[in-house]
Amino acid sequence: MLQSVNDALRSGRLHDILLRRNELRYLNNIDCELLEDIIQLLKPFDEATRHLSTDQTPTLHLVLPTKATLLRGLSIQDGDSVIVKELKGKLARAVEMKFKVHLYHKVATALSPSLRSFLKKTLNGQEYEEVISTLTALTETAGTEERVRGLVEKEDPPPEQGATEVHNFFASCVEEEERKEDSGDMESHGRQLVLQYMSDTKLTRFQCLLDVWREMSGGLVPVAKRLLAIPATSTPSERSFSVAGRLIEERRSTLNPENVDALLFLHSNI
């Protein structure tokens, strides 16, 4: 909204509109420099909203770097005006209060190869170890389930059925991986898989995250499929309800549930 007002102000359109309405007095107290500063301050929030609200790519792994990126942009600078400093402080407190980061956000971040170093530098030792332990437990559980599923499929086989990984918005969170040797030789198999993945420098960066895990194999793959399928926000669900509301109108009130599901699926995937 502020960007629209600023564009109209700079182009003269706002002056013409208010002149016709005899309301030019509203232009008297506009601080154009402050308006531009506030727009630049709020732009990262608009971009963060778009990144976390998409329903075409994984988003859960972006929650932690999004919060870090927003807070980094809210750090006080020497040239900031008094109003901008006050606004930055209030926004930073709001981000800390409302932007809750839970364990599974951290684990999902670990499943993004480009964000592994960021995760290790952001978390303290205890938090990082909790992520490794959780990934280990999930990997071992998934491995057990895969073995059981494999035995079931052998007994009763089913019928046959026919971008960049991290956006530039998070560039400050992406760093070159450092090769480190694993000195532990008494680790469980699941933990060895996790530590090997976390220290693997051969993983391609800036590749589509879905392609990364589609090309990989091993015990971490089922974990990645489950976690990265979780949306970071409720926006995709709200978007689906909105589409359903437009679909099931008065003239289509007799649509059966199967057709509604099929139409919603086509809307989301075509």
Protein backbone atom coordinates (compact mmCIF):
# COMPACT_ATOMS: atom_id res chain seq x y z
CA MET A 1 0.00 0.00 0.00
CA LEU A 2 2.78 2.42 0.95
CA GLN A 3 4.65 1.58 -2.25
CA SER A 4 1.53 2.41 -4.27
CA VAL A 5 1.15 5.74 -2.45
CA ASN A 6 4.83 6.53 -2.99
CA ASP A 7 4.64 5.73 -6.72
CA ALA A 8 1.55 7.90 -7.13
CA LEU A 9 3.21 10.70 -5.16
CA ARG A 10 6.39 10.68 -7.24
CA SER A 11 4.54 10.48 -10.56
CA GLY A 12 2.22 13.37 -9.68
CA ARG A 13 -0.92 11.26 -9.97
CA LEU A 14 -1.67 11.66 -6.27
CA HIS A 15 -1.42 15.45 -6.60
CA ASP A 16 -3.89 15.43 -9.51
CA ILE A 17 -6.36 13.18 -7.68
CA LEU A 18 -6.33 15.30 -4.52
CA LEU A 19 -6.53 18.51 -6.55
CA ARG A 20 -9.76 17.35 -8.19
CA ARG A 21 -11.14 16.54 -4.74
CA ASN A 22 -9.92 19.82 -3.25
CA GLU A 23 -7.93 17.80 -0.69
CA LEU A 24 -4.35 18.92 -1.35
CA ARG A 25 -3.98 19.59 2.38
CA TYR A 26 -3.28 15.87 2.83
CA LEU A 27 0.07 16.28 1.04
CA ASN A 28 1.37 18.91 3.44
CA ASN A 29 2.61 16.57 6.17
CA ILE A 30 4.01 13.73 4.04
CA ASP A 31 7.69 13.10 4.73
CA CYS A 32 8.82 11.50 1.45
CA GLU A 33 12.18 10.42 2.83
CA LEU A 34 10.59 8.75 5.86
CA LEU A 35 8.01 7.09 3.59
CA GLU A 36 10.80 5.61 1.47
CA ASP A 37 12.66 4.40 4.58
CA ILE A 38 9.57 2.63 5.92
CA ILE A 39 8.91 0.99 2.55
CA GLN A 40 12.47 -0.37 2.46
CA LEU A 41 12.08 -1.55 6.06
CA LEU A 42 8.87 -3.46 5.33
CA LYS A 43 9.88 -4.99 1.98
CA PRO A 44 11.57 -8.04 3.58
CA PHE A 45 8.32 -8.84 5.41
CA ASP A 46 6.42 -8.86 2.13
CA GLU A 47 9.03 -11.12 0.54
CA ALA A 48 9.11 -13.43 3.58
CA THR A 49 5.32 -13.78 3.44
CA ARG A 50 5.46 -14.83 -0.21
CA HIS A 51 8.23 -17.37 0.41
CA LEU A 52 6.46 -18.99 3.36
CA SER A 53 3.00 -18.96 1.76
CA THR A 54 3.79 -20.80 -1.46
CA ASP A 55 2.22 -24.22 -1.99
CA GLN A 56 4.40 -25.39 -4.89
CA THR A 57 7.67 -25.93 -3.01
CA PRO A 58 8.72 -26.96 0.53
CA THR A 59 8.58 -24.14 3.08
CA LEU A 60 9.05 -25.63 6.56
CA HIS A 61 12.86 -25.43 6.29
CA LEU A 62 12.65 -21.68 5.63
CA VAL A 63 11.04 -20.68 8.94
CA LEU A 64 14.28 -20.37 10.93
CA PRO A 65 16.29 -18.56 8.20
CA THR A 66 13.31 -16.27 7.57
CA LYS A 67 13.27 -15.18 11.19
CA ALA A 68 17.05 -14.70 11.19
CA THR A 69 16.91 -12.68 7.96
CA LEU A 70 14.14 -10.42 9.25
CA LEU A 71 15.89 -9.77 12.56
CA ARG A 72 19.16 -9.04 10.75
CA GLY A 73 17.36 -6.41 8.68
CA LEU A 74 15.95 -4.84 11.85
CA SER A 75 19.34 -4.17 13.44
CA ILE A 76 19.83 -0.49 14.31
CA GLN A 77 22.12 1.44 11.93
CA ASP A 78 23.98 4.69 12.59
CA GLY A 79 22.08 6.60 9.92
CA ASP A 80 18.60 5.57 11.08
CA SER A 81 16.19 8.30 12.10
CA VAL A 82 14.53 8.29 15.52
CA ILE A 83 11.24 7.06 14.04
CA VAL A 84 12.94 4.26 12.06
CA LYS A 85 14.86 3.14 15.16
CA GLU A 86 11.64 3.02 17.17
CA LEU A 87 9.83 1.12 14.40
CA LYS A 88 12.70 -1.37 14.08
CA GLY A 89 12.59 -2.03 17.80
CA LYS A 90 8.84 -2.67 17.79
CA LEU A 91 9.07 -4.91 14.72
CA ALA A 92 11.93 -6.90 16.24
CA ARG A 93 9.93 -7.48 19.43
CA ALA A 94 6.92 -8.53 17.36
CA VAL A 95 9.04 -11.00 15.34
CA GLU A 96 10.48 -12.52 18.52
CA MET A 97 7.05 -12.79 20.14
CA LYS A 98 5.00 -14.10 17.21
CA PHE A 99 7.61 -15.95 15.12
CA LYS A 100 7.84 -19.14 17.18
CA VAL A 101 10.52 -21.62 16.04
CA HIS A 102 9.99 -25.20 17.18
CA LEU A 103 12.20 -28.28 17.02
CA TYR A 104 10.76 -29.54 13.74
CA HIS A 105 11.49 -26.20 12.08
CA LYS A 106 15.15 -26.71 13.03
CA VAL A 107 15.14 -30.33 11.85
CA ALA A 108 13.59 -29.27 8.53
CA THR A 109 16.31 -26.63 8.16
CA ALA A 110 18.91 -29.36 8.62
CA LEU A 111 17.32 -31.20 5.68
CA SER A 112 18.25 -28.32 3.37
CA PRO A 113 21.89 -28.90 2.29
CA SER A 114 22.50 -25.18 1.76
CA LEU A 115 21.37 -24.28 5.26
CA ARG A 116 23.33 -26.80 7.32
CA SER A 117 26.18 -24.42 8.18
CA PHE A 118 23.69 -21.66 9.01
CA LEU A 119 21.89 -24.02 11.36
CA LYS A 120 25.07 -25.01 13.18
CA LYS A 121 26.14 -21.38 13.63
CA THR A 122 22.67 -20.24 14.71
CA LEU A 123 21.97 -22.89 17.36
CA ASN A 124 23.90 -23.44 20.54
CA GLY A 125 25.54 -26.81 21.18
CA GLN A 126 22.61 -28.26 23.10
CA GLU A 127 20.05 -27.20 20.49
CA TYR A 128 22.19 -28.56 17.64
CA GLU A 129 22.62 -31.89 19.41
CA GLU A 130 18.84 -32.05 19.90
CA VAL A 131 18.39 -31.65 16.14
CA ILE A 132 20.92 -34.43 15.43
CA SER A 133 19.28 -36.73 17.99
CA THR A 134 15.80 -36.06 16.60
CA LEU A 135 16.97 -36.71 13.04
CA THR A 136 18.64 -39.91 14.22
CA ALA A 137 15.47 -41.14 15.94
CA LEU A 138 13.33 -40.29 12.91
CA THR A 139 15.81 -42.00 10.58
CA GLU A 140 15.88 -45.19 12.64
CA THR A 141 12.08 -45.24 12.93
CA ALA A 142 11.69 -44.68 9.19
CA GLY A 143 14.21 -47.45 8.49
CA THR A 144 12.22 -49.90 10.59
CA GLU A 145 8.99 -48.94 8.82
CA GLU A 146 10.64 -49.32 5.41
CA ARG A 147 11.88 -52.82 6.28
CA VAL A 148 8.43 -53.85 7.49
CA ARG A 149 6.84 -52.38 4.37
CA GLY A 150 9.33 -54.25 2.21
CA LEU A 151 8.41 -57.56 3.83
CA VAL A 152 4.70 -56.85 3.33
CA GLU A 153 5.21 -55.91 -0.31
CA LYS A 154 7.14 -59.13 -0.95
CA GLU A 155 4.28 -61.15 0.46
CA ASP A 156 1.51 -59.19 -1.27
CA PRO A 157 2.84 -57.00 -4.12
CA PRO A 158 0.54 -54.06 -5.01
CA PRO A 159 -0.89 -53.58 -8.54
CA GLU A 160 1.24 -51.53 -10.94
CA GLN A 161 0.43 -47.83 -11.26
CA GLY A 162 1.16 -45.74 -13.99
CA ALA A 163 14.38 -23.66 -9.24
CA THR A 164 17.01 -22.84 -6.92
CA GLU A 165 16.99 -24.63 -3.59
CA VAL A 166 17.30 -21.46 -1.52
CA HIS A 167 16.15 -18.08 -2.83
CA ASN A 168 18.44 -15.04 -2.80
CA PHE A 169 16.34 -13.65 0.07
CA PHE A 170 18.15 -16.17 2.30
CA ALA A 171 21.59 -15.63 0.73
CA SER A 172 23.06 -14.40 4.01
CA CYS A 173 22.15 -17.75 5.59
CA VAL A 174 23.92 -19.82 2.94
CA GLU A 175 27.64 -20.44 3.30
CA GLU A 176 30.19 -22.84 1.89
CA GLU A 177 30.21 -26.17 3.68
CA GLU A 178 33.37 -27.05 5.57
CA ARG A 179 34.70 -30.59 5.31
CA LYS A 180 34.99 -32.15 8.75
CA GLU A 181 36.10 -35.62 9.74
CA ASP A 182 33.81 -37.72 11.93
CA SER A 183 35.83 -39.11 14.80
CA GLY A 184 33.06 -41.16 16.38
CA ASP A 185 33.23 -44.86 15.57
CA MET A 186 30.79 -46.08 18.19
CA GLU A 187 27.73 -44.27 16.84
CA SER A 188 24.49 -46.01 15.92
CA HIS A 189 23.82 -46.59 12.24
CA GLY A 190 21.12 -43.91 12.18
CA ARG A 191 23.38 -41.35 13.82
CA GLN A 192 26.20 -42.21 11.41
CA LEU A 193 23.85 -41.53 8.48
CA VAL A 194 22.84 -38.18 9.94
CA LEU A 195 26.41 -37.07 10.72
CA GLN A 196 27.58 -38.19 7.29
CA TYR A 197 24.83 -36.14 5.65
CA MET A 198 25.51 -33.07 7.82
CA SER A 199 29.21 -33.10 6.86
CA ASP A 200 28.84 -34.10 3.19
CA THR A 201 30.40 -31.33 1.08
CA LYS A 202 29.52 -32.94 -2.24
CA LEU A 203 25.82 -32.12 -2.10
CA THR A 204 24.92 -29.68 -4.85
CA ARG A 205 23.92 -26.24 -3.63
CA PHE A 206 21.30 -24.05 -5.29
CA GLN A 207 19.56 -27.11 -6.67
CA CYS A 208 15.81 -27.55 -6.25
CA LEU A 209 15.31 -29.06 -2.78
CA LEU A 210 12.81 -31.59 -4.12
CA ASP A 211 15.36 -32.72 -6.70
CA VAL A 212 18.03 -33.05 -4.01
CA TRP A 213 15.99 -35.59 -2.08
CA ARG A 214 14.61 -37.24 -5.20
CA GLU A 215 18.16 -38.06 -6.27
CA MET A 216 19.34 -39.17 -2.84
CA SER A 217 18.89 -42.56 -1.25
CA GLY A 218 19.16 -43.89 2.26
CA GLY A 219 17.44 -43.64 5.60
CA LEU A 220 17.09 -39.86 5.58
CA VAL A 221 14.96 -39.78 2.45
CA PRO A 222 11.68 -40.95 4.11
CA VAL A 223 12.27 -38.41 6.89
CA ALA A 224 12.76 -35.60 4.37
CA LYS A 225 9.63 -36.61 2.45
CA ARG A 226 7.52 -36.48 5.60
CA LEU A 227 8.89 -33.29 7.14
CA LEU A 228 9.28 -31.19 4.01
CA ALA A 229 5.70 -31.97 3.00
CA ILE A 230 4.48 -29.94 5.99
CA PRO A 231 3.61 -26.33 4.99
CA ALA A 232 5.14 -23.56 7.08
CA THR A 233 1.87 -21.60 7.26
CA SER A 234 -1.86 -22.24 6.98
CA THR A 235 -2.04 -20.10 3.83
CA PRO A 236 -2.22 -23.07 1.38
CA SER A 237 -5.13 -24.57 3.36
CA GLU A 238 -6.91 -21.22 3.53
CA ARG A 239 -6.35 -20.81 -0.19
CA SER A 240 -7.95 -24.22 -0.82
CA PHE A 241 -10.96 -23.35 1.34
CA SER A 242 -11.34 -20.09 -0.57
CA VAL A 243 -11.30 -21.93 -3.91
CA ALA A 244 -13.78 -24.49 -2.55
CA GLY A 245 -16.09 -21.66 -1.46
CA ARG A 246 -16.10 -20.26 -5.00
CA LEU A 247 -16.57 -23.73 -6.44
CA ILE A 248 -19.52 -24.85 -4.32
CA GLU A 249 -21.90 -22.00 -5.07
CA GLU A 250 -25.67 -21.96 -5.21
CA ARG A 251 -25.83 -23.32 -8.75
CA ARG A 252 -23.40 -26.12 -7.87
CA SER A 253 -24.77 -27.12 -4.51
CA THR A 254 -25.40 -30.72 -5.65
CA LEU A 255 -21.77 -31.51 -6.53
CA ASN A 256 -20.77 -34.77 -4.89
CA PRO A 257 -17.64 -34.79 -2.66
CA GLU A 258 -15.60 -36.86 -5.13
CA ASN A 259 -16.08 -34.30 -7.91
CA VAL A 260 -15.26 -31.45 -5.53
CA ASP A 261 -12.01 -33.19 -4.55
CA ALA A 262 -11.13 -33.79 -8.18
CA LEU A 263 -11.79 -30.16 -9.19
CA LEU A 264 -9.75 -28.82 -6.26
CA PHE A 265 -6.91 -31.19 -7.13
CA LEU A 266 -6.93 -30.01 -10.76
CA HIS A 267 -7.00 -26.36 -9.66
CA SER A 268 -3.93 -26.86 -7.46
CA ASN A 269 -1.89 -28.95 -9.89
CA ILE A 270 -2.53 -27.59 -13.38
